[in-house]
N, C-alpha and C. Protein backbone atom coordinates (compact mmCIF):
# COMPACT_ATOMS: atom_id res chain seq x y z
N MET A 1 -62.37 5.80 -5.34
CA MET A 1 -61.71 5.09 -4.38
C MET A 1 -60.57 5.16 -3.61
N PHE A 2 -59.40 5.53 -5.10
CA PHE A 2 -57.90 5.49 -4.70
C PHE A 2 -58.07 7.42 -5.11
N SER A 3 -58.76 8.19 -5.74
CA SER A 3 -58.34 9.05 -5.83
C SER A 3 -58.38 10.47 -5.34
N LYS A 4 -57.66 10.89 -5.54
CA LYS A 4 -57.45 12.07 -4.57
C LYS A 4 -57.83 13.52 -5.25
N SER A 5 -58.36 14.27 -3.88
CA SER A 5 -58.52 15.70 -4.64
C SER A 5 -57.66 16.65 -4.77
N ALA A 6 -57.50 17.58 -5.80
CA ALA A 6 -56.14 18.63 -5.54
C ALA A 6 -56.74 19.52 -4.14
N ALA A 7 -57.47 19.20 -3.92
CA ALA A 7 -57.29 21.00 -2.75
C ALA A 7 -57.08 20.20 -1.28
N LYS A 8 -57.16 18.51 -1.69
CA LYS A 8 -56.30 17.91 0.10
C LYS A 8 -55.34 18.13 -0.10
N THR A 9 -54.34 17.46 -1.18
CA THR A 9 -53.08 17.74 -1.08
C THR A 9 -52.28 18.41 -1.52
N ALA A 10 -51.52 18.65 -0.78
CA ALA A 10 -50.88 20.36 -1.42
C ALA A 10 -49.13 19.13 -1.82
N PRO A 11 -48.74 19.90 -3.13
CA PRO A 11 -47.31 19.21 -3.26
C PRO A 11 -46.23 19.11 -2.28
N LEU A 12 -45.20 18.13 -2.80
CA LEU A 12 -44.60 17.87 -1.69
C LEU A 12 -43.35 19.04 -1.65
N SER A 13 -43.08 19.61 -2.53
CA SER A 13 -42.06 20.85 -2.19
C SER A 13 -42.34 21.77 -1.87
N SER A 14 -43.58 22.03 -1.31
CA SER A 14 -44.58 23.13 -0.68
C SER A 14 -43.99 23.18 1.00
N THR A 15 -44.47 21.62 1.20
CA THR A 15 -44.61 21.17 2.78
C THR A 15 -42.88 21.48 3.04
N ARG A 16 -41.74 21.02 2.69
CA ARG A 16 -40.30 21.21 3.16
C ARG A 16 -40.16 22.36 3.21
N SER A 17 -39.35 23.06 3.69
CA SER A 17 -38.75 24.37 4.25
C SER A 17 -37.37 24.63 3.61
N GLU A 18 -37.03 23.83 2.51
CA GLU A 18 -35.88 23.74 2.18
C GLU A 18 -36.22 23.25 0.71
N SER A 19 -35.37 23.70 -0.28
CA SER A 19 -35.62 23.68 -1.72
C SER A 19 -34.62 22.86 -2.17
N PRO A 20 -35.00 22.22 -3.23
CA PRO A 20 -34.05 21.08 -3.77
C PRO A 20 -32.94 21.18 -3.83
N GLU A 21 -32.76 22.98 -4.61
CA GLU A 21 -31.78 23.38 -4.80
C GLU A 21 -30.62 23.93 -3.39
N ALA A 22 -31.27 23.90 -2.61
CA ALA A 22 -30.82 24.48 -1.13
C ALA A 22 -29.60 23.76 -0.88
N PRO A 23 -28.52 24.15 -0.15
CA PRO A 23 -27.21 23.54 0.18
C PRO A 23 -27.79 23.05 1.66
N SER A 24 -27.68 20.93 1.33
CA SER A 24 -28.10 20.75 2.92
C SER A 24 -26.97 20.29 4.25
N ALA A 25 -27.76 20.75 5.37
CA ALA A 25 -26.47 20.63 6.11
C ALA A 25 -25.82 19.80 6.04
N ARG A 26 -24.65 19.31 6.70
CA ARG A 26 -22.98 18.06 6.39
C ARG A 26 -24.39 16.73 6.77
N LYS A 27 -24.18 16.14 6.12
CA LYS A 27 -24.57 14.72 6.23
C LYS A 27 -23.90 14.15 7.27
N ALA A 28 -24.62 13.57 8.67
CA ALA A 28 -23.97 12.35 9.03
C ALA A 28 -22.90 11.35 8.71
N ILE A 29 -21.80 10.81 8.74
CA ILE A 29 -20.91 10.21 8.07
C ILE A 29 -20.65 9.24 9.20
N ALA A 30 -20.83 7.49 8.65
CA ALA A 30 -20.71 6.24 9.37
C ALA A 30 -19.31 6.20 9.90
N CYS A 31 -19.78 5.60 11.18
CA CYS A 31 -18.25 5.01 11.90
C CYS A 31 -17.67 3.80 10.58
N SER A 32 -16.25 4.09 10.13
CA SER A 32 -16.23 3.29 9.55
C SER A 32 -15.33 1.91 10.43
N LEU A 33 -14.95 0.94 10.32
CA LEU A 33 -14.84 -0.49 11.08
C LEU A 33 -13.39 -0.98 10.04
N ILE A 34 -12.52 -0.74 10.76
CA ILE A 34 -11.26 -1.56 10.49
C ILE A 34 -11.22 -3.09 11.58
N ALA A 35 -11.86 -4.00 11.70
CA ALA A 35 -12.28 -4.83 11.95
C ALA A 35 -10.45 -6.05 12.35
N GLU A 36 -10.92 -7.00 12.94
CA GLU A 36 -9.40 -7.54 13.93
C GLU A 36 -8.85 -7.76 13.14
N ASN A 37 -9.38 -8.50 11.77
CA ASN A 37 -8.95 -9.87 11.00
C ASN A 37 -8.29 -8.70 9.25
N VAL A 38 -7.79 -7.37 9.66
CA VAL A 38 -7.68 -6.51 8.46
C VAL A 38 -5.99 -5.72 8.88
N SER A 39 -5.09 -6.05 7.94
CA SER A 39 -4.04 -5.26 8.14
C SER A 39 -4.02 -4.12 7.25
N VAL A 40 -3.23 -3.17 7.25
CA VAL A 40 -3.43 -1.47 6.61
C VAL A 40 -2.23 -1.78 6.63
N GLU A 41 -1.42 -1.06 5.66
CA GLU A 41 -0.01 -0.41 4.89
C GLU A 41 -0.25 0.51 4.56
N GLY A 42 -0.02 1.94 5.19
CA GLY A 42 -0.17 2.95 4.53
C GLY A 42 -0.74 3.94 5.06
N ASP A 43 -1.12 4.96 4.80
CA ASP A 43 -1.46 6.52 5.05
C ASP A 43 -2.99 5.79 5.11
N LEU A 44 -4.18 6.65 6.44
CA LEU A 44 -5.15 6.52 6.58
C LEU A 44 -6.01 7.56 6.97
N VAL A 45 -6.92 8.26 6.00
CA VAL A 45 -7.39 9.33 6.20
C VAL A 45 -8.95 9.45 6.06
N SER A 46 -9.63 10.21 7.35
CA SER A 46 -11.27 10.41 6.97
C SER A 46 -11.85 11.46 8.25
N ASP A 47 -13.01 12.34 7.10
CA ASP A 47 -13.68 12.96 7.83
C ASP A 47 -14.52 12.42 9.17
N GLY A 48 -14.59 11.09 9.14
CA GLY A 48 -15.63 10.93 9.83
C GLY A 48 -15.00 10.19 11.55
N ASP A 49 -15.83 9.32 11.79
CA ASP A 49 -15.22 8.65 13.16
C ASP A 49 -14.76 7.31 12.17
N VAL A 50 -13.58 6.86 13.75
CA VAL A 50 -13.06 5.49 12.87
C VAL A 50 -13.30 4.44 13.91
N GLN A 51 -13.25 3.15 14.07
CA GLN A 51 -12.93 1.63 14.82
C GLN A 51 -11.97 0.91 14.59
N LEU A 52 -10.65 0.73 15.12
CA LEU A 52 -10.13 0.29 14.75
C LEU A 52 -9.74 -0.73 16.23
N ASP A 53 -9.62 -2.45 15.20
CA ASP A 53 -9.60 -3.00 16.06
C ASP A 53 -8.70 -4.33 15.66
N GLY A 54 -8.57 -3.39 14.34
CA GLY A 54 -7.14 -4.42 13.44
C GLY A 54 -6.20 -3.74 13.22
N ALA A 55 -5.23 -3.65 12.36
CA ALA A 55 -3.85 -3.00 12.69
C ALA A 55 -3.49 -2.42 11.27
N VAL A 56 -2.71 -1.45 11.44
CA VAL A 56 -2.56 0.11 10.63
C VAL A 56 -0.57 0.19 11.00
N ARG A 57 -0.72 0.16 9.39
CA ARG A 57 1.23 0.47 9.53
C ARG A 57 1.07 1.92 9.13
N GLY A 58 1.26 3.38 9.07
CA GLY A 58 1.00 4.35 8.56
C GLY A 58 0.45 4.79 9.39
N ASP A 59 0.41 6.45 9.21
CA ASP A 59 -0.56 7.76 9.95
C ASP A 59 -2.08 7.64 9.37
N LEU A 60 -2.46 8.38 10.45
CA LEU A 60 -3.47 8.45 10.74
C LEU A 60 -4.27 9.47 10.80
N ARG A 61 -4.91 10.51 9.67
CA ARG A 61 -5.74 11.48 10.27
C ARG A 61 -7.06 11.24 9.82
N VAL A 62 -7.60 11.21 11.36
CA VAL A 62 -9.50 11.24 11.33
C VAL A 62 -10.14 11.94 12.31
N ALA A 63 -11.42 12.35 12.30
CA ALA A 63 -11.96 13.19 13.32
C ALA A 63 -12.07 12.23 14.23
N HIS A 64 -12.84 11.08 14.77
CA HIS A 64 -12.73 10.75 16.15
C HIS A 64 -11.91 9.04 15.61
N LEU A 65 -10.50 8.78 15.99
CA LEU A 65 -10.30 7.42 16.47
C LEU A 65 -10.46 6.59 17.33
N THR A 66 -10.97 5.31 17.31
CA THR A 66 -11.30 4.30 18.61
C THR A 66 -10.41 3.47 18.43
N ILE A 67 -9.31 2.52 19.07
CA ILE A 67 -8.81 1.66 18.89
C ILE A 67 -8.99 0.71 19.65
N GLY A 68 -9.53 -0.36 19.37
CA GLY A 68 -10.47 -0.76 20.55
C GLY A 68 -8.97 -2.42 20.93
N GLU A 69 -9.40 -3.25 21.86
CA GLU A 69 -8.30 -3.67 22.37
C GLU A 69 -7.56 -4.58 21.50
N THR A 70 -8.30 -5.03 20.51
CA THR A 70 -6.99 -5.62 19.21
C THR A 70 -6.51 -4.68 18.85
N GLY A 71 -6.65 -3.57 18.23
CA GLY A 71 -5.92 -2.77 17.11
C GLY A 71 -4.64 -2.49 17.42
N GLN A 72 -4.04 -2.17 16.59
CA GLN A 72 -2.00 -1.69 17.02
C GLN A 72 -2.08 -0.84 15.75
N VAL A 73 -1.35 0.28 16.21
CA VAL A 73 -0.72 1.66 15.39
C VAL A 73 0.60 1.58 14.87
N GLU A 74 0.93 1.87 13.84
CA GLU A 74 2.57 2.36 14.32
C GLU A 74 2.87 3.23 12.95
N GLY A 75 3.00 4.80 13.61
CA GLY A 75 2.60 5.66 12.70
C GLY A 75 1.93 7.00 13.98
N ALA A 76 1.94 8.06 13.21
CA ALA A 76 1.74 9.51 13.74
C ALA A 76 -0.33 9.10 13.54
N ILE A 77 -0.66 9.94 15.03
CA ILE A 77 -2.24 9.71 14.71
C ILE A 77 -2.31 11.21 15.33
N THR A 78 -3.62 11.51 14.20
CA THR A 78 -4.07 13.48 14.23
C THR A 78 -5.41 13.23 14.53
N ALA A 79 -5.84 13.33 15.25
CA ALA A 79 -7.53 13.69 15.39
C ALA A 79 -8.02 14.55 16.47
N GLU A 80 -9.69 14.73 16.33
CA GLU A 80 -9.82 16.08 16.94
C GLU A 80 -10.03 15.36 18.36
N ALA A 81 -10.49 13.63 18.93
CA ALA A 81 -10.35 13.08 19.99
C ALA A 81 -10.04 11.09 19.60
N VAL A 82 -9.13 10.92 20.25
CA VAL A 82 -8.62 9.88 20.09
C VAL A 82 -8.63 8.76 21.58
N GLU A 83 -9.22 7.84 21.51
CA GLU A 83 -9.84 6.38 22.30
C GLU A 83 -8.75 5.53 22.47
N ILE A 84 -7.69 5.70 23.60
CA ILE A 84 -6.79 4.01 23.03
C ILE A 84 -6.95 2.99 24.15
N ARG A 85 -7.52 1.63 23.76
CA ARG A 85 -7.12 0.83 24.55
C ARG A 85 -6.64 -0.61 24.06
N GLY A 86 -5.50 -0.11 22.52
CA GLY A 86 -4.72 -1.53 22.64
C GLY A 86 -3.78 -0.49 22.27
N ARG A 87 -2.01 -0.81 21.50
CA ARG A 87 -0.95 -0.60 21.51
C ARG A 87 -1.20 0.38 20.23
N VAL A 88 -0.15 1.58 20.13
CA VAL A 88 0.34 2.36 19.83
C VAL A 88 1.54 2.79 20.22
N ILE A 89 1.86 2.76 18.99
CA ILE A 89 3.72 2.83 18.74
C ILE A 89 3.75 4.33 17.68
N GLY A 90 4.24 5.37 17.81
CA GLY A 90 4.17 6.64 17.98
C GLY A 90 3.45 7.66 17.96
N THR A 91 3.84 9.02 17.55
CA THR A 91 3.05 10.27 18.34
C THR A 91 1.30 10.11 18.08
N VAL A 92 0.85 11.16 18.87
CA VAL A 92 -0.56 10.94 18.83
C VAL A 92 -0.84 12.17 19.39
N THR A 93 -1.71 13.45 18.17
CA THR A 93 -2.16 14.56 18.62
C THR A 93 -3.59 14.46 18.74
N ALA A 94 -3.77 15.34 19.59
CA ALA A 94 -5.65 15.54 19.48
C ALA A 94 -5.92 16.49 20.90
N LYS A 95 -6.96 16.67 20.30
CA LYS A 95 -7.45 17.99 21.12
C LYS A 95 -7.28 17.07 22.69
N ALA A 96 -8.34 15.51 22.66
CA ALA A 96 -9.00 14.78 23.36
C ALA A 96 -8.34 13.65 23.80
N VAL A 97 -7.54 12.87 24.76
CA VAL A 97 -6.98 11.44 24.40
C VAL A 97 -7.43 10.92 25.82
N ARG A 98 -7.84 9.98 25.54
CA ARG A 98 -7.96 8.72 26.59
C ARG A 98 -7.68 7.49 26.64
N LEU A 99 -6.26 7.53 27.69
CA LEU A 99 -5.83 6.18 27.74
C LEU A 99 -6.72 5.08 28.21
N TYR A 100 -7.96 4.07 27.88
CA TYR A 100 -7.64 3.26 29.21
C TYR A 100 -6.91 2.14 29.66
N ALA A 101 -7.24 1.46 30.80
CA ALA A 101 -6.29 0.24 31.27
C ALA A 101 -5.55 -0.60 30.01
N THR A 102 -6.20 -0.74 29.22
CA THR A 102 -5.57 -1.69 28.63
C THR A 102 -4.31 -1.24 27.85
N ALA A 103 -4.45 0.06 27.28
CA ALA A 103 -3.61 0.84 26.42
C ALA A 103 -2.18 0.20 26.88
N ARG A 104 -1.28 0.29 25.46
CA ARG A 104 0.26 0.28 25.40
C ARG A 104 0.13 1.61 24.91
N LEU A 105 1.16 2.42 25.03
CA LEU A 105 1.77 3.52 24.13
C LEU A 105 2.89 4.07 24.38
N ASP A 106 3.96 3.96 22.79
CA ASP A 106 5.16 4.78 23.09
C ASP A 106 5.24 5.21 22.29
N GLY A 107 5.38 6.49 23.02
CA GLY A 107 5.63 8.05 21.69
C GLY A 107 4.61 8.83 22.19
N ASP A 108 5.01 10.34 22.20
CA ASP A 108 4.57 11.38 22.68
C ASP A 108 3.06 11.74 22.28
N ILE A 109 2.24 12.47 22.93
CA ILE A 109 1.79 12.77 23.43
C ILE A 109 1.13 14.00 23.26
N THR A 110 0.82 14.97 22.15
CA THR A 110 0.17 16.29 22.40
C THR A 110 -1.12 16.76 22.16
N HIS A 111 -1.39 17.40 23.32
CA HIS A 111 -3.46 17.30 23.88
C HIS A 111 -3.30 18.49 24.90
N VAL A 112 -5.15 18.70 24.75
CA VAL A 112 -5.75 19.22 25.38
C VAL A 112 -6.01 19.06 27.07
N GLN A 113 -6.50 18.02 26.05
CA GLN A 113 -7.52 17.00 27.43
C GLN A 113 -6.27 15.84 27.27
N LEU A 114 -6.49 15.09 28.50
CA LEU A 114 -5.72 14.19 28.62
C LEU A 114 -5.85 13.14 29.76
N ALA A 115 -6.49 11.94 29.28
CA ALA A 115 -6.77 11.26 30.44
C ALA A 115 -6.14 9.88 30.83
N ILE A 116 -5.83 8.96 31.66
CA ILE A 116 -5.15 8.41 31.50
C ILE A 116 -5.74 7.22 32.88
N ASP A 117 -6.04 6.05 32.20
CA ASP A 117 -7.00 4.91 33.84
C ASP A 117 -5.86 4.42 34.60
N ALA A 118 -6.12 4.28 34.90
CA ALA A 118 -5.25 3.44 36.16
C ALA A 118 -5.07 1.31 35.73
N GLY A 119 -4.12 1.65 35.36
CA GLY A 119 -3.44 0.23 34.48
C GLY A 119 -2.51 0.80 33.02
N ALA A 120 -2.83 1.93 32.10
CA ALA A 120 -2.81 1.90 31.10
C ALA A 120 -1.14 2.25 31.76
N GLN A 121 -0.10 1.83 29.70
CA GLN A 121 0.82 1.17 30.27
C GLN A 121 1.45 2.91 28.93
N PHE A 122 2.31 4.03 29.31
CA PHE A 122 2.46 5.22 28.82
C PHE A 122 3.96 5.43 28.74
N VAL A 123 5.41 5.55 27.48
CA VAL A 123 6.30 5.67 27.17
C VAL A 123 5.96 6.62 26.70
N GLY A 124 6.85 8.06 26.97
CA GLY A 124 7.01 9.20 26.15
C GLY A 124 6.75 10.33 26.72
N ARG A 125 6.10 11.85 26.26
CA ARG A 125 6.14 12.34 26.59
C ARG A 125 4.93 13.58 26.68
N SER A 126 3.91 13.59 27.09
CA SER A 126 2.95 14.55 27.40
C SER A 126 2.87 16.11 27.33
N VAL A 127 2.27 16.50 26.03
CA VAL A 127 2.85 18.34 25.51
C VAL A 127 1.34 18.29 25.77
N LYS A 128 1.21 19.71 26.59
CA LYS A 128 -0.33 20.58 26.49
C LYS A 128 -0.05 21.48 25.02
N LEU A 129 -1.25 21.41 24.64
CA LEU A 129 -1.06 21.86 23.35
C LEU A 129 -2.08 23.10 23.79
N VAL A 130 -1.25 24.71 23.38
CA VAL A 130 -1.53 25.56 23.62
C VAL A 130 -1.48 26.65 22.44
N ALA A 131 -2.85 27.17 22.50
CA ALA A 131 -3.40 28.14 20.90
C ALA A 131 -2.67 29.10 21.54
N PRO A 132 -2.47 29.48 20.10
CA PRO A 132 -1.18 30.79 19.79
C PRO A 132 -2.03 31.86 20.46
N VAL A 133 -1.22 32.65 21.31
CA VAL A 133 -1.43 34.17 21.99
C VAL A 133 -1.68 35.01 20.44
N PRO A 134 -2.19 35.93 19.93
CA PRO A 134 -2.35 36.80 18.89
C PRO A 134 -1.47 38.11 19.68
N GLU A 135 -0.62 38.52 18.95
CA GLU A 135 0.45 39.63 19.09
C GLU A 135 -0.68 40.44 19.44
N GLN A 136 0.03 41.79 20.82
CA GLN A 136 -0.90 42.82 20.89
C GLN A 136 0.17 44.31 20.27
N LEU A 137 -0.14 45.22 19.78
CA LEU A 137 0.22 45.85 19.25
C LEU A 137 0.29 46.92 20.88
N SER A 138 1.65 47.58 20.67
CA SER A 138 2.18 48.47 22.30
C SER A 138 0.81 49.78 21.58
N LEU A 139 1.28 50.53 22.31
CA LEU A 139 0.39 52.01 22.36
C LEU A 139 0.56 52.81 21.87
N VAL A 140 2.23 52.44 22.04
CA VAL A 140 3.29 53.53 21.24
C VAL A 140 3.16 53.57 19.60
N GLU A 141 3.01 52.16 19.45
CA GLU A 141 2.75 51.44 17.98
C GLU A 141 1.51 52.13 17.29
N VAL A 142 0.47 52.05 18.41
CA VAL A 142 -0.52 52.33 17.55
C VAL A 142 -0.85 54.03 17.96
N ALA A 143 -0.72 54.61 18.56
CA ALA A 143 -0.32 56.35 18.41
C ALA A 143 0.42 56.80 17.70
N ALA A 144 1.56 55.80 16.84
CA ALA A 144 2.47 56.54 15.74
C ALA A 144 1.73 56.61 14.80
N GLU A 145 0.81 55.23 13.83
CA GLU A 145 -0.02 55.46 13.14
C GLU A 145 -0.97 56.28 13.18
């Protein structure tokens, strides 16, 4: 009744496209949450996304940072993307930065893309991040070689 014939079932390893020894693609990393009642003193580093509703006094280096309305940061922020709804005192360096209406930022922003909603408060400088231009050899230098 519960027996299986060998002809009807295939071993699991033959139905998968990857062998167990093959390196797998990068696993998705869950979003880290720093809740409203949490206060952190020191630097915070993460390869994943971080939702900050509490307070951090220190530098943050994360992939994607979302600061909620109750979130507060005193320190430098470096990320691929930053969304700010709360309060930041310090510099922000990211490819994409968005300040929502409830955002309060005292510090400089270095960015590729910047969006500021009506009502957001921003005191500082906005500096566009520019990729370095590769040096070009002059035709005289190439001919001499």
